[in-house]
Amino acid sequence: MLRDTHPKPDRSPVAADLDCRTLRELCHDLTVPATSIKLLTQVAATESDPGPAMRARLRQIYEEAARIANICGYVLDQPREQGPADLDLLAADVADSARWQYAGRIDVVADPAPVAAHPVVVVRILTNLTDNACRAAGPGGRVRLTVRAEGERATLIVADSGRGFGQGESGKASLGLDIVAAMARRCGASVTLGPSDLGGAGVTVTFPRQASGAPRLARTGEAG
């Protein structure tokens, strides 16, 4: 099981409330520019008559801004429902986003797998694990996201071809794993760490499955 990688100091209720208010204020303020970016990409796609390559870039900018807005909305609204979310589709979306930044290879092998978790929670888990894996694998490395539907559970495995746990820089990776652990607790998922068949690390997240279909988070629309 994945335990918190850093001990958390005890905080007073006043300090915790202040942190929560600061976070909500930040998310409120970020929603405005995120919405503006979405609208600007739509206008650019309409007014400039871009070619296929530029249209794809504008669409990706739109979707990244939509992701920011969705995360901010989740923090502000604090929804109680746990899902459903299409783990397989969201894994493909996050992989598509990562490919714009990562020079190596990212593969997705996925069974249809609706899970009992909010889409924002699933995307935050996927994003942090994929980002960690890409940095661990390095340029020219390999990352693989696998989604399996197994009875009442669905499993996500994020594997990389890097040097494995304890062999690379911590910092962002530790923070990313802290976020994954917190998000997993929120939706009743479990997280385990171990070696992968790609030669590096493998992180497995096991979610409770949901019978119904799921809303899309990362593909909320197209820019034009």
C-alpha atoms as a PDB file:
ATOM      1  CA  MET A   1       0.000   0.000   0.000  1.00  0.00           C
ATOM      2  CA  LEU A   2       1.090   3.557  -0.669  1.00  0.00           C
ATOM      3  CA  ARG A   3       1.603   5.489   2.525  1.00  0.00           C
ATOM      4  CA  ASP A   4       2.064   9.248   2.774  1.00  0.00           C
ATOM      5  CA  THR A   5       5.629   9.955   1.654  1.00  0.00           C
ATOM      6  CA  HIS A   6       6.051  12.946   3.962  1.00  0.00           C
ATOM      7  CA  PRO A   7       4.845  13.251   7.579  1.00  0.00           C
ATOM      8  CA  LYS A   8       2.234  15.974   7.897  1.00  0.00           C
ATOM      9  CA  PRO A   9       2.718  18.395  10.818  1.00  0.00           C
ATOM     10  CA  ASP A  10      -0.229  18.932  13.115  1.00  0.00           C
ATOM     11  CA  ARG A  11      -2.123  22.076  12.159  1.00  0.00           C
ATOM     12  CA  SER A  12      -4.616  24.087  14.144  1.00  0.00           C
ATOM     13  CA  PRO A  13      -8.224  24.256  12.929  1.00  0.00           C
ATOM     14  CA  VAL A  14      -7.739  27.969  12.235  1.00  0.00           C
ATOM     15  CA  ALA A  15      -4.709  27.321  10.024  1.00  0.00           C
ATOM     16  CA  ALA A  16      -6.519  24.514   8.217  1.00  0.00           C
ATOM     17  CA  ASP A  17      -9.535  26.745   7.585  1.00  0.00           C
ATOM     18  CA  LEU A  18      -7.249  29.491   6.278  1.00  0.00           C
ATOM     19  CA  ASP A  19      -5.537  27.050   3.910  1.00  0.00           C
ATOM     20  CA  CYS A  20      -8.904  25.841   2.654  1.00  0.00           C
ATOM     21  CA  ARG A  21     -10.158  29.386   2.097  1.00  0.00           C
ATOM     22  CA  THR A  22      -6.948  30.343   0.285  1.00  0.00           C
ATOM     23  CA  LEU A  23      -7.261  27.312  -1.980  1.00  0.00           C
ATOM     24  CA  ARG A  24     -10.882  28.079  -2.787  1.00  0.00           C
ATOM     25  CA  GLU A  25     -10.055  31.720  -3.524  1.00  0.00           C
ATOM     26  CA  LEU A  26      -7.229  30.627  -5.824  1.00  0.00           C
ATOM     27  CA  CYS A  27      -9.489  28.196  -7.671  1.00  0.00           C
ATOM     28  CA  HIS A  28     -12.148  30.881  -8.010  1.00  0.00           C
ATOM     29  CA  ASP A  29      -9.629  33.268  -9.572  1.00  0.00           C
ATOM     30  CA  LEU A  30      -8.171  30.605 -11.906  1.00  0.00           C
ATOM     31  CA  THR A  31     -11.601  29.774 -13.304  1.00  0.00           C
ATOM     32  CA  VAL A  32     -11.827  33.160 -15.060  1.00  0.00           C
ATOM     33  CA  PRO A  33      -8.618  32.937 -17.155  1.00  0.00           C
ATOM     34  CA  ALA A  34      -9.252  29.247 -17.865  1.00  0.00           C
ATOM     35  CA  THR A  35     -12.653  30.138 -19.307  1.00  0.00           C
ATOM     36  CA  SER A  36     -11.089  32.987 -21.284  1.00  0.00           C
ATOM     37  CA  ILE A  37      -8.504  30.634 -22.811  1.00  0.00           C
ATOM     38  CA  LYS A  38     -11.257  28.231 -23.880  1.00  0.00           C
ATOM     39  CA  LEU A  39     -13.191  31.044 -25.554  1.00  0.00           C
ATOM     40  CA  LEU A  40     -10.079  32.476 -27.233  1.00  0.00           C
ATOM     41  CA  THR A  41      -9.153  29.122 -28.761  1.00  0.00           C
ATOM     42  CA  GLN A  42     -12.672  28.776 -30.149  1.00  0.00           C
ATOM     43  CA  VAL A  43     -12.484  32.273 -31.650  1.00  0.00           C
ATOM     44  CA  ALA A  44      -9.019  31.595 -33.104  1.00  0.00           C
ATOM     45  CA  ALA A  45     -10.231  28.379 -34.728  1.00  0.00           C
ATOM     46  CA  THR A  46     -13.197  30.210 -36.250  1.00  0.00           C
ATOM     47  CA  GLU A  47     -11.490  33.396 -37.414  1.00  0.00           C
ATOM     48  CA  SER A  48      -8.126  32.111 -38.633  1.00  0.00           C
ATOM     49  CA  ASP A  49      -9.265  29.047 -40.596  1.00  0.00           C
ATOM     50  CA  PRO A  50      -6.339  26.954 -39.303  1.00  0.00           C
ATOM     51  CA  GLY A  51      -5.043  23.816 -40.961  1.00  0.00           C
ATOM     52  CA  PRO A  52      -5.413  20.370 -39.362  1.00  0.00           C
ATOM     53  CA  ALA A  53      -2.180  20.607 -37.332  1.00  0.00           C
ATOM     54  CA  MET A  54      -3.011  24.024 -35.868  1.00  0.00           C
ATOM     55  CA  ARG A  55      -6.604  22.965 -35.228  1.00  0.00           C
ATOM     56  CA  ALA A  56      -5.308  19.991 -33.219  1.00  0.00           C
ATOM     57  CA  ARG A  57      -3.103  22.313 -31.154  1.00  0.00           C
ATOM     58  CA  LEU A  58      -5.973  24.692 -30.503  1.00  0.00           C
ATOM     59  CA  ARG A  59      -8.161  21.792 -29.469  1.00  0.00           C
ATOM     60  CA  GLN A  60      -5.498  20.623 -27.019  1.00  0.00           C
ATOM     61  CA  ILE A  61      -5.163  24.127 -25.545  1.00  0.00           C
ATOM     62  CA  TYR A  62      -8.940  24.206 -25.118  1.00  0.00           C
ATOM     63  CA  GLU A  63      -8.958  20.847 -23.368  1.00  0.00           C
ATOM     64  CA  GLU A  64      -6.080  21.745 -21.043  1.00  0.00           C
ATOM     65  CA  ALA A  65      -7.917  24.920 -20.036  1.00  0.00           C
ATOM     66  CA  ALA A  66     -11.090  22.878 -19.538  1.00  0.00           C
ATOM     67  CA  ARG A  67      -9.170  20.546 -17.240  1.00  0.00           C
ATOM     68  CA  ILE A  68      -8.027  23.488 -15.101  1.00  0.00           C
ATOM     69  CA  ALA A  69     -11.600  24.774 -14.934  1.00  0.00           C
ATOM     70  CA  ASN A  70     -12.930  21.334 -13.989  1.00  0.00           C
ATOM     71  CA  ILE A  71     -10.418  20.897 -11.158  1.00  0.00           C
ATOM     72  CA  CYS A  72     -11.201  24.373  -9.847  1.00  0.00           C
ATOM     73  CA  GLY A  73     -14.922  23.676 -10.067  1.00  0.00           C
ATOM     74  CA  TYR A  74     -14.474  20.452  -8.127  1.00  0.00           C
ATOM     75  CA  VAL A  75     -12.638  22.267  -5.312  1.00  0.00           C
ATOM     76  CA  LEU A  76     -15.252  25.019  -5.214  1.00  0.00           C
ATOM     77  CA  ASP A  77     -18.348  22.801  -5.400  1.00  0.00           C
ATOM     78  CA  GLN A  78     -17.081  19.815  -3.350  1.00  0.00           C
ATOM     79  CA  PRO A  79     -19.475  17.328  -5.013  1.00  0.00           C
ATOM     80  CA  ARG A  80     -20.476  14.337  -2.902  1.00  0.00           C
ATOM     81  CA  GLU A  81     -21.154  11.904  -5.723  1.00  0.00           C
ATOM     82  CA  GLN A  82     -18.358   9.454  -6.509  1.00  0.00           C
ATOM     83  CA  GLY A  83     -18.876   8.991 -10.215  1.00  0.00           C
ATOM     84  CA  PRO A  84     -19.122   7.376 -12.587  1.00  0.00           C
ATOM     85  CA  ALA A  85     -15.968   8.006 -14.606  1.00  0.00           C
ATOM     86  CA  ASP A  86     -14.702   6.109 -17.658  1.00  0.00           C
ATOM     87  CA  LEU A  87     -11.214   5.148 -16.518  1.00  0.00           C
ATOM     88  CA  ASP A  88     -10.207   3.861 -19.963  1.00  0.00           C
ATOM     89  CA  LEU A  89     -11.277   7.000 -21.840  1.00  0.00           C
ATOM     90  CA  LEU A  90      -9.717   9.342 -19.308  1.00  0.00           C
ATOM     91  CA  ALA A  91      -6.461   7.362 -19.450  1.00  0.00           C
ATOM     92  CA  ALA A  92      -6.402   7.879 -23.224  1.00  0.00           C
ATOM     93  CA  ASP A  93      -7.084  11.613 -22.765  1.00  0.00           C
ATOM     94  CA  VAL A  94      -4.272  12.053 -20.240  1.00  0.00           C
ATOM     95  CA  ALA A  95      -1.872  10.109 -22.474  1.00  0.00           C
ATOM     96  CA  ASP A  96      -2.772  12.353 -25.432  1.00  0.00           C
ATOM     97  CA  SER A  97      -2.044  15.420 -23.310  1.00  0.00           C
ATOM     98  CA  ALA A  98       1.295  14.039 -22.101  1.00  0.00           C
ATOM     99  CA  ARG A  99       2.437  13.234 -25.639  1.00  0.00           C
ATOM    100  CA  TRP A 100       2.605  16.961 -26.438  1.00  0.00           C
ATOM    101  CA  GLN A 101       5.335  17.348 -23.808  1.00  0.00           C
ATOM    102  CA  TYR A 102       7.079  13.978 -23.668  1.00  0.00           C
ATOM    103  CA  ALA A 103       9.606  12.910 -26.302  1.00  0.00           C
ATOM    104  CA  GLY A 104       9.389   9.206 -25.465  1.00  0.00           C
ATOM    105  CA  ARG A 105       6.703   6.639 -26.153  1.00  0.00           C
ATOM    106  CA  ILE A 106       3.400   6.443 -24.283  1.00  0.00           C
ATOM    107  CA  ASP A 107       1.154   3.427 -24.842  1.00  0.00           C
ATOM    108  CA  VAL A 108      -2.370   2.853 -23.575  1.00  0.00           C
ATOM    109  CA  VAL A 109      -3.851  -0.632 -23.271  1.00  0.00           C
ATOM    110  CA  ALA A 110      -7.356  -0.368 -21.877  1.00  0.00           C
ATOM    111  CA  ASP A 111     -10.535  -2.334 -21.288  1.00  0.00           C
ATOM    112  CA  PRO A 112     -13.797  -0.378 -20.932  1.00  0.00           C
ATOM    113  CA  ALA A 113     -13.904   0.369 -17.210  1.00  0.00           C
ATOM    114  CA  PRO A 114     -16.426   2.730 -15.593  1.00  0.00           C
ATOM    115  CA  VAL A 115     -15.396   3.322 -11.986  1.00  0.00           C
ATOM    116  CA  ALA A 116     -17.096   4.736  -8.893  1.00  0.00           C
ATOM    117  CA  ALA A 117     -14.989   7.888  -8.695  1.00  0.00           C
ATOM    118  CA  HIS A 118     -15.467  11.484  -9.738  1.00  0.00           C
ATOM    119  CA  PRO A 119     -13.816  12.240 -13.122  1.00  0.00           C
ATOM    120  CA  VAL A 120     -11.705  15.031 -11.606  1.00  0.00           C
ATOM    121  CA  VAL A 121     -10.328  12.621  -8.997  1.00  0.00           C
ATOM    122  CA  VAL A 122      -9.477  10.063 -11.686  1.00  0.00           C
ATOM    123  CA  VAL A 123      -7.790  12.652 -13.910  1.00  0.00           C
ATOM    124  CA  ARG A 124      -5.672  13.963 -11.033  1.00  0.00           C
ATOM    125  CA  ILE A 125      -4.502  10.424 -10.276  1.00  0.00           C
ATOM    126  CA  LEU A 126      -3.770   9.737 -13.942  1.00  0.00           C
ATOM    127  CA  THR A 127      -2.012  13.056 -14.525  1.00  0.00           C
ATOM    128  CA  ASN A 128       0.297  12.786 -11.535  1.00  0.00           C
ATOM    129  CA  LEU A 129       1.228   9.163 -12.204  1.00  0.00           C
ATOM    130  CA  THR A 130       1.798   9.784 -15.918  1.00  0.00           C
ATOM    131  CA  ASP A 131       3.895  12.889 -15.243  1.00  0.00           C
ATOM    132  CA  ASN A 132       6.022  10.975 -12.728  1.00  0.00           C
ATOM    133  CA  ALA A 133       6.450   8.074 -15.152  1.00  0.00           C
ATOM    134  CA  CYS A 134       7.495  10.332 -18.050  1.00  0.00           C
ATOM    135  CA  ARG A 135      10.116  12.097 -15.953  1.00  0.00           C
ATOM    136  CA  ALA A 136      11.395   8.769 -14.609  1.00  0.00           C
ATOM    137  CA  ALA A 137      11.628   7.208 -18.084  1.00  0.00           C
ATOM    138  CA  GLY A 138      13.420  10.242 -19.499  1.00  0.00           C
ATOM    139  CA  PRO A 139      13.698  11.310 -23.159  1.00  0.00           C
ATOM    140  CA  GLY A 140      13.407   8.329 -25.439  1.00  0.00           C
ATOM    141  CA  GLY A 141      11.981   6.166 -22.669  1.00  0.00           C
ATOM    142  CA  ARG A 142       8.705   4.322 -22.528  1.00  0.00           C
ATOM    143  CA  VAL A 143       5.548   4.706 -20.442  1.00  0.00           C
ATOM    144  CA  ARG A 144       2.511   2.440 -20.502  1.00  0.00           C
ATOM    145  CA  LEU A 145      -0.962   2.951 -19.020  1.00  0.00           C
ATOM    146  CA  THR A 146      -2.951  -0.256 -18.602  1.00  0.00           C
ATOM    147  CA  VAL A 147      -6.606  -0.399 -17.574  1.00  0.00           C
ATOM    148  CA  ARG A 148      -8.193  -3.735 -16.686  1.00  0.00           C
ATOM    149  CA  ALA A 149     -11.761  -4.518 -15.661  1.00  0.00           C
ATOM    150  CA  GLU A 150     -11.769  -7.327 -13.093  1.00  0.00           C
ATOM    151  CA  GLY A 151     -15.102  -8.231 -11.509  1.00  0.00           C
ATOM    152  CA  GLU A 152     -16.166  -5.504  -9.100  1.00  0.00           C
ATOM    153  CA  ARG A 153     -12.844  -3.691  -9.390  1.00  0.00           C
ATOM    154  CA  ALA A 154     -10.950  -1.856 -12.139  1.00  0.00           C
ATOM    155  CA  THR A 155      -7.175  -1.609 -12.145  1.00  0.00           C
ATOM    156  CA  LEU A 156      -4.925   1.117 -13.501  1.00  0.00           C
ATOM    157  CA  ILE A 157      -1.225   0.323 -13.903  1.00  0.00           C
ATOM    158  CA  VAL A 158       1.204   3.104 -14.841  1.00  0.00           C
ATOM    159  CA  ALA A 159       4.613   1.650 -15.740  1.00  0.00           C
ATOM    160  CA  ASP A 160       7.836   3.241 -16.935  1.00  0.00           C
ATOM    161  CA  SER A 161      11.235   2.193 -18.252  1.00  0.00           C
ATOM    162  CA  GLY A 162      13.205   4.347 -15.816  1.00  0.00           C
ATOM    163  CA  ARG A 163      15.605   3.362 -13.061  1.00  0.00           C
ATOM    164  CA  GLY A 164      12.937   2.408 -10.529  1.00  0.00           C
ATOM    165  CA  PHE A 165      11.992   3.742  -7.102  1.00  0.00           C
ATOM    166  CA  GLY A 166      14.731   5.362  -5.086  1.00  0.00           C
ATOM    167  CA  GLN A 167      17.000   5.832  -8.114  1.00  0.00           C
ATOM    168  CA  GLY A 168      15.742   9.168  -9.401  1.00  0.00           C
ATOM    169  CA  GLU A 169      15.015  12.619  -8.066  1.00  0.00           C
ATOM    170  CA  SER A 170      12.211  12.948  -5.538  1.00  0.00           C
ATOM    171  CA  GLY A 171      10.665  16.419  -5.167  1.00  0.00           C
ATOM    172  CA  LYS A 172       7.843  16.567  -7.704  1.00  0.00           C
ATOM    173  CA  ALA A 173       7.522  12.781  -7.734  1.00  0.00           C
ATOM    174  CA  SER A 174       6.946  12.681  -3.967  1.00  0.00           C
ATOM    175  CA  LEU A 175       4.378  15.461  -4.173  1.00  0.00           C
ATOM    176  CA  GLY A 176       2.653  13.653  -7.040  1.00  0.00           C
ATOM    177  CA  LEU A 177       2.455  10.441  -5.010  1.00  0.00           C
ATOM    178  CA  ASP A 178       1.055  12.390  -2.050  1.00  0.00           C
ATOM    179  CA  ILE A 179      -1.703  13.706  -4.315  1.00  0.00           C
ATOM    180  CA  VAL A 180      -2.382  10.214  -5.701  1.00  0.00           C
ATOM    181  CA  ALA A 181      -2.642   8.804  -2.170  1.00  0.00           C
ATOM    182  CA  ALA A 182      -5.081  11.545  -1.127  1.00  0.00           C
ATOM    183  CA  MET A 183      -7.237  11.153  -4.235  1.00  0.00           C
ATOM    184  CA  ALA A 184      -7.300   7.361  -3.843  1.00  0.00           C
ATOM    185  CA  ARG A 185      -8.521   7.665  -0.261  1.00  0.00           C
ATOM    186  CA  ARG A 186     -11.254  10.018  -1.421  1.00  0.00           C
ATOM    187  CA  CYS A 187     -12.796   7.448  -3.780  1.00  0.00           C
ATOM    188  CA  GLY A 188     -12.063   4.230  -1.882  1.00  0.00           C
ATOM    189  CA  ALA A 189      -9.251   3.111  -4.197  1.00  0.00           C
ATOM    190  CA  SER A 190      -6.030   1.379  -3.155  1.00  0.00           C
ATOM    191  CA  VAL A 191      -2.495   2.111  -4.392  1.00  0.00           C
ATOM    192  CA  THR A 192       0.523  -0.210  -4.528  1.00  0.00           C
ATOM    193  CA  LEU A 193       4.065   0.365  -5.764  1.00  0.00           C
ATOM    194  CA  GLY A 194       6.473  -2.099  -7.318  1.00  0.00           C
ATOM    195  CA  PRO A 195       8.749  -2.873 -10.251  1.00  0.00           C
ATOM    196  CA  SER A 196       7.353  -2.919 -13.793  1.00  0.00           C
ATOM    197  CA  ASP A 197       8.051  -5.213 -16.722  1.00  0.00           C
ATOM    198  CA  LEU A 198       9.403  -2.163 -18.581  1.00  0.00           C
ATOM    199  CA  GLY A 199      12.368  -2.114 -16.219  1.00  0.00           C
ATOM    200  CA  GLY A 200      11.363   0.810 -14.022  1.00  0.00           C
ATOM    201  CA  ALA A 201       8.595   1.460 -11.540  1.00  0.00           C
ATOM    202  CA  GLY A 202       4.959   0.434 -11.670  1.00  0.00           C
ATOM    203  CA  VAL A 203       2.103   2.009  -9.726  1.00  0.00           C
ATOM    204  CA  THR A 204      -1.184   0.128  -9.473  1.00  0.00           C
ATOM    205  CA  VAL A 205      -4.426   1.849  -8.487  1.00  0.00           C
ATOM    206  CA  THR A 206      -7.455  -0.363  -7.886  1.00  0.00           C
ATOM    207  CA  PHE A 207     -10.841   1.377  -8.101  1.00  0.00           C
ATOM    208  CA  PRO A 208     -14.342   0.150  -7.234  1.00  0.00           C
ATOM    209  CA  ARG A 209     -16.215  -0.354 -10.492  1.00  0.00           C
ATOM    210  CA  GLN A 210     -19.451   1.348 -11.490  1.00  0.00           C
ATOM    211  CA  ALA A 211     -22.051  -0.304 -13.668  1.00  0.00           C
ATOM    212  CA  SER A 212     -23.204   2.775 -15.604  1.00  0.00           C
ATOM    213  CA  GLY A 213     -21.419   4.931 -18.183  1.00  0.00           C
ATOM    214  CA  ALA A 214     -19.397   8.016 -17.395  1.00  0.00           C
ATOM    215  CA  PRO A 215     -19.167  11.703 -18.275  1.00  0.00           C
ATOM    216  CA  ARG A 216     -16.064  12.784 -20.157  1.00  0.00           C
ATOM    217  CA  LEU A 217     -13.796  15.243 -18.409  1.00  0.00           C
ATOM    218  CA  ALA A 218     -10.767  15.896 -20.617  1.00  0.00           C
ATOM    219  CA  ARG A 219     -12.711  15.910 -23.907  1.00  0.00           C
ATOM    220  CA  THR A 220     -15.316  18.483 -22.921  1.00  0.00           C
ATOM    221  CA  GLY A 221     -15.478  20.005 -26.370  1.00  0.00           C
ATOM    222  CA  GLU A 222     -13.492  21.028 -29.388  1.00  0.00           C
ATOM    223  CA  ALA A 223     -11.953  24.368 -30.241  1.00  0.00           C
ATOM    224  CA  GLY A 224     -13.942  25.151 -33.324  1.00  0.00           C
END
